[in-house]
Amino acid sequence: MARPLKRSFKIRGHRTSLSLEQPFWDALRDIADREKVPLSKLVAEIDTMRDANASGLSGAVRVFILQHYRNRVEDKTDA
């Protein structure tokens, strides 16, 4: 797998960077497009939801993506 790619965002007035592998960037962009929100807003929402003591932002984004797709699978099996 390729090395993580770093991108910068402004969250609540401060700059931060996020390092993810390309498949995670693709999935995050896909989720933002489906939700019709800018990528920066989605990252800010994930940052707000995470337990700052438990994980870094990159890890929180990966868990968010995993949970998003798990929920979609569960929704399809419940239908």
N, C-alpha and C. Protein backbone atom coordinates (compact mmCIF):
# COMPACT_ATOMS: atom_id res chain seq x y z
N MET A 1 0.85 -1.18 0.00
CA MET A 1 0.00 0.00 0.00
C MET A 1 0.90 1.24 0.00
N ALA A 2 0.44 2.24 -0.69
CA ALA A 2 1.21 3.48 -0.80
C ALA A 2 1.27 4.21 0.54
N ARG A 3 2.24 5.09 0.64
CA ARG A 3 2.41 5.89 1.86
C ARG A 3 1.23 6.85 2.01
N PRO A 4 0.91 7.21 3.25
CA PRO A 4 -0.18 8.17 3.48
C PRO A 4 0.12 9.52 2.81
N LEU A 5 -0.95 10.16 2.38
CA LEU A 5 -0.87 11.50 1.80
C LEU A 5 -1.34 12.49 2.84
N LYS A 6 -0.61 13.58 3.00
CA LYS A 6 -0.95 14.59 3.99
C LYS A 6 -1.67 15.75 3.31
N ARG A 7 -2.78 16.17 3.92
CA ARG A 7 -3.51 17.34 3.44
C ARG A 7 -3.83 18.22 4.65
N SER A 8 -3.90 19.52 4.41
CA SER A 8 -4.16 20.46 5.50
C SER A 8 -5.59 20.97 5.44
N PHE A 9 -6.13 21.23 6.63
CA PHE A 9 -7.49 21.75 6.77
C PHE A 9 -7.49 22.83 7.84
N LYS A 10 -8.48 23.68 7.77
CA LYS A 10 -8.70 24.67 8.82
C LYS A 10 -9.93 24.21 9.59
N ILE A 11 -9.73 23.95 10.88
CA ILE A 11 -10.81 23.46 11.74
C ILE A 11 -10.95 24.42 12.91
N ARG A 12 -12.11 24.98 13.05
CA ARG A 12 -12.41 25.93 14.14
C ARG A 12 -11.31 26.98 14.28
N GLY A 13 -10.88 27.51 13.15
CA GLY A 13 -9.95 28.63 13.17
C GLY A 13 -8.47 28.27 13.22
N HIS A 14 -8.14 26.98 13.31
CA HIS A 14 -6.72 26.63 13.31
C HIS A 14 -6.42 25.60 12.21
N ARG A 15 -5.20 25.65 11.71
CA ARG A 15 -4.78 24.73 10.66
C ARG A 15 -4.33 23.41 11.28
N THR A 16 -4.71 22.33 10.63
CA THR A 16 -4.27 21.01 11.05
C THR A 16 -4.05 20.18 9.80
N SER A 17 -3.28 19.14 9.93
CA SER A 17 -3.06 18.26 8.78
C SER A 17 -3.55 16.86 9.11
N LEU A 18 -3.85 16.15 8.06
CA LEU A 18 -4.43 14.82 8.17
C LEU A 18 -3.69 13.92 7.18
N SER A 19 -3.20 12.80 7.64
CA SER A 19 -2.49 11.86 6.79
C SER A 19 -3.31 10.59 6.63
N LEU A 20 -3.67 10.28 5.39
CA LEU A 20 -4.44 9.08 5.09
C LEU A 20 -3.91 8.45 3.81
N GLU A 21 -4.09 7.15 3.69
CA GLU A 21 -3.77 6.46 2.46
C GLU A 21 -4.83 6.84 1.41
N GLN A 22 -4.45 6.74 0.14
CA GLN A 22 -5.34 7.18 -0.94
C GLN A 22 -6.74 6.54 -0.89
N PRO A 23 -6.88 5.24 -0.60
CA PRO A 23 -8.23 4.69 -0.53
C PRO A 23 -9.11 5.36 0.53
N PHE A 24 -8.49 5.77 1.65
CA PHE A 24 -9.27 6.48 2.67
C PHE A 24 -9.65 7.87 2.20
N TRP A 25 -8.74 8.57 1.49
CA TRP A 25 -9.09 9.88 0.93
C TRP A 25 -10.25 9.73 -0.05
N ASP A 26 -10.20 8.69 -0.88
CA ASP A 26 -11.27 8.46 -1.86
C ASP A 26 -12.60 8.20 -1.15
N ALA A 27 -12.57 7.39 -0.11
CA ALA A 27 -13.80 7.08 0.64
C ALA A 27 -14.33 8.32 1.35
N LEU A 28 -13.45 9.11 1.93
CA LEU A 28 -13.87 10.32 2.63
C LEU A 28 -14.52 11.31 1.65
N ARG A 29 -13.91 11.47 0.49
CA ARG A 29 -14.47 12.35 -0.55
C ARG A 29 -15.85 11.83 -0.99
N ASP A 30 -15.96 10.52 -1.14
CA ASP A 30 -17.23 9.90 -1.54
C ASP A 30 -18.32 10.20 -0.51
N ILE A 31 -17.99 10.06 0.76
CA ILE A 31 -18.96 10.34 1.82
C ILE A 31 -19.35 11.81 1.80
N ALA A 32 -18.38 12.70 1.68
CA ALA A 32 -18.68 14.14 1.64
C ALA A 32 -19.58 14.46 0.44
N ASP A 33 -19.30 13.87 -0.70
CA ASP A 33 -20.14 14.11 -1.88
C ASP A 33 -21.56 13.61 -1.67
N ARG A 34 -21.69 12.42 -1.09
CA ARG A 34 -23.03 11.86 -0.82
C ARG A 34 -23.81 12.73 0.18
N GLU A 35 -23.09 13.26 1.15
CA GLU A 35 -23.73 14.11 2.17
C GLU A 35 -23.89 15.55 1.70
N LYS A 36 -23.29 15.85 0.55
CA LYS A 36 -23.34 17.21 -0.02
C LYS A 36 -22.76 18.26 0.93
N VAL A 37 -21.60 17.90 1.50
CA VAL A 37 -20.88 18.83 2.38
C VAL A 37 -19.43 18.93 1.90
N PRO A 38 -18.80 20.07 2.11
CA PRO A 38 -17.38 20.18 1.77
C PRO A 38 -16.55 19.21 2.61
N LEU A 39 -15.48 18.74 2.04
CA LEU A 39 -14.60 17.82 2.75
C LEU A 39 -14.12 18.42 4.08
N SER A 40 -13.81 19.71 4.06
CA SER A 40 -13.32 20.36 5.29
C SER A 40 -14.38 20.35 6.39
N LYS A 41 -15.65 20.49 6.01
CA LYS A 41 -16.73 20.46 7.01
C LYS A 41 -16.88 19.06 7.59
N LEU A 42 -16.79 18.05 6.74
CA LEU A 42 -16.89 16.68 7.23
C LEU A 42 -15.74 16.36 8.19
N VAL A 43 -14.53 16.78 7.85
CA VAL A 43 -13.38 16.56 8.73
C VAL A 43 -13.59 17.28 10.06
N ALA A 44 -14.13 18.49 10.01
CA ALA A 44 -14.40 19.24 11.25
C ALA A 44 -15.44 18.53 12.10
N GLU A 45 -16.47 17.96 11.47
CA GLU A 45 -17.49 17.22 12.21
C GLU A 45 -16.89 15.98 12.88
N ILE A 46 -16.04 15.27 12.15
CA ILE A 46 -15.39 14.09 12.72
C ILE A 46 -14.50 14.50 13.89
N ASP A 47 -13.80 15.62 13.74
CA ASP A 47 -12.94 16.11 14.81
C ASP A 47 -13.76 16.43 16.05
N THR A 48 -14.92 16.99 15.87
CA THR A 48 -15.80 17.32 17.00
C THR A 48 -16.31 16.07 17.70
N MET A 49 -16.58 15.01 16.94
CA MET A 49 -17.15 13.78 17.50
C MET A 49 -16.12 12.91 18.22
N ARG A 50 -14.85 13.05 17.87
CA ARG A 50 -13.85 12.12 18.40
C ARG A 50 -13.51 12.42 19.85
N ASP A 51 -13.06 11.40 20.52
CA ASP A 51 -12.53 11.55 21.87
C ASP A 51 -11.07 11.92 21.72
N ALA A 52 -10.72 13.16 21.97
CA ALA A 52 -9.36 13.66 21.75
C ALA A 52 -8.32 12.85 22.52
N ASN A 53 -8.70 12.24 23.62
CA ASN A 53 -7.76 11.46 24.40
C ASN A 53 -7.56 10.06 23.85
N ALA A 54 -8.50 9.59 23.01
CA ALA A 54 -8.45 8.21 22.55
C ALA A 54 -7.71 8.04 21.23
N SER A 55 -7.84 9.01 20.32
CA SER A 55 -7.19 8.81 19.03
C SER A 55 -6.87 10.14 18.37
N GLY A 56 -5.94 10.08 17.44
CA GLY A 56 -5.64 11.26 16.65
C GLY A 56 -6.70 11.43 15.58
N LEU A 57 -6.63 12.54 14.89
CA LEU A 57 -7.63 12.84 13.87
C LEU A 57 -7.60 11.83 12.73
N SER A 58 -6.43 11.43 12.29
CA SER A 58 -6.35 10.45 11.19
C SER A 58 -7.03 9.14 11.58
N GLY A 59 -6.76 8.67 12.78
CA GLY A 59 -7.41 7.45 13.25
C GLY A 59 -8.91 7.62 13.37
N ALA A 60 -9.35 8.78 13.85
CA ALA A 60 -10.78 9.04 13.98
C ALA A 60 -11.45 9.05 12.62
N VAL A 61 -10.78 9.58 11.61
CA VAL A 61 -11.35 9.59 10.26
C VAL A 61 -11.45 8.16 9.73
N ARG A 62 -10.43 7.36 9.93
CA ARG A 62 -10.49 5.96 9.47
C ARG A 62 -11.64 5.21 10.13
N VAL A 63 -11.81 5.39 11.45
CA VAL A 63 -12.91 4.73 12.16
C VAL A 63 -14.25 5.25 11.66
N PHE A 64 -14.38 6.55 11.41
CA PHE A 64 -15.60 7.12 10.88
C PHE A 64 -15.96 6.48 9.54
N ILE A 65 -14.97 6.36 8.66
CA ILE A 65 -15.21 5.76 7.34
C ILE A 65 -15.65 4.31 7.49
N LEU A 66 -14.97 3.56 8.33
CA LEU A 66 -15.35 2.17 8.57
C LEU A 66 -16.79 2.08 9.07
N GLN A 67 -17.12 2.90 10.06
CA GLN A 67 -18.47 2.86 10.63
C GLN A 67 -19.52 3.27 9.59
N HIS A 68 -19.19 4.25 8.77
CA HIS A 68 -20.12 4.71 7.72
C HIS A 68 -20.48 3.55 6.79
N TYR A 69 -19.46 2.84 6.31
CA TYR A 69 -19.72 1.75 5.39
C TYR A 69 -20.33 0.54 6.07
N ARG A 70 -20.00 0.30 7.32
CA ARG A 70 -20.67 -0.79 8.06
C ARG A 70 -22.15 -0.48 8.22
N ASN A 71 -22.49 0.77 8.51
CA ASN A 71 -23.89 1.15 8.63
C ASN A 71 -24.63 0.96 7.32
N ARG A 72 -23.98 1.28 6.21
CA ARG A 72 -24.62 1.10 4.90
C ARG A 72 -24.90 -0.37 4.62
N VAL A 73 -23.95 -1.24 5.00
CA VAL A 73 -24.15 -2.68 4.81
C VAL A 73 -25.30 -3.16 5.68
N GLU A 74 -25.33 -2.72 6.93
CA GLU A 74 -26.42 -3.12 7.83
C GLU A 74 -27.77 -2.64 7.31
N ASP A 75 -27.82 -1.41 6.77
CA ASP A 75 -29.07 -0.88 6.22
C ASP A 75 -29.56 -1.74 5.06
N LYS A 76 -28.65 -2.21 4.23
CA LYS A 76 -29.04 -3.06 3.09
C LYS A 76 -29.53 -4.42 3.54
N THR A 77 -28.94 -4.98 4.59
CA THR A 77 -29.37 -6.31 5.05
C THR A 77 -30.67 -6.23 5.83
N ASP A 78 -30.99 -5.07 6.38
CA ASP A 78 -32.25 -4.89 7.12
C ASP A 78 -33.43 -4.64 6.18
N ALA A 79 -33.14 -4.22 4.95
CA ALA A 79 -34.21 -3.84 4.01
C ALA A 79 -34.92 -5.06 3.45
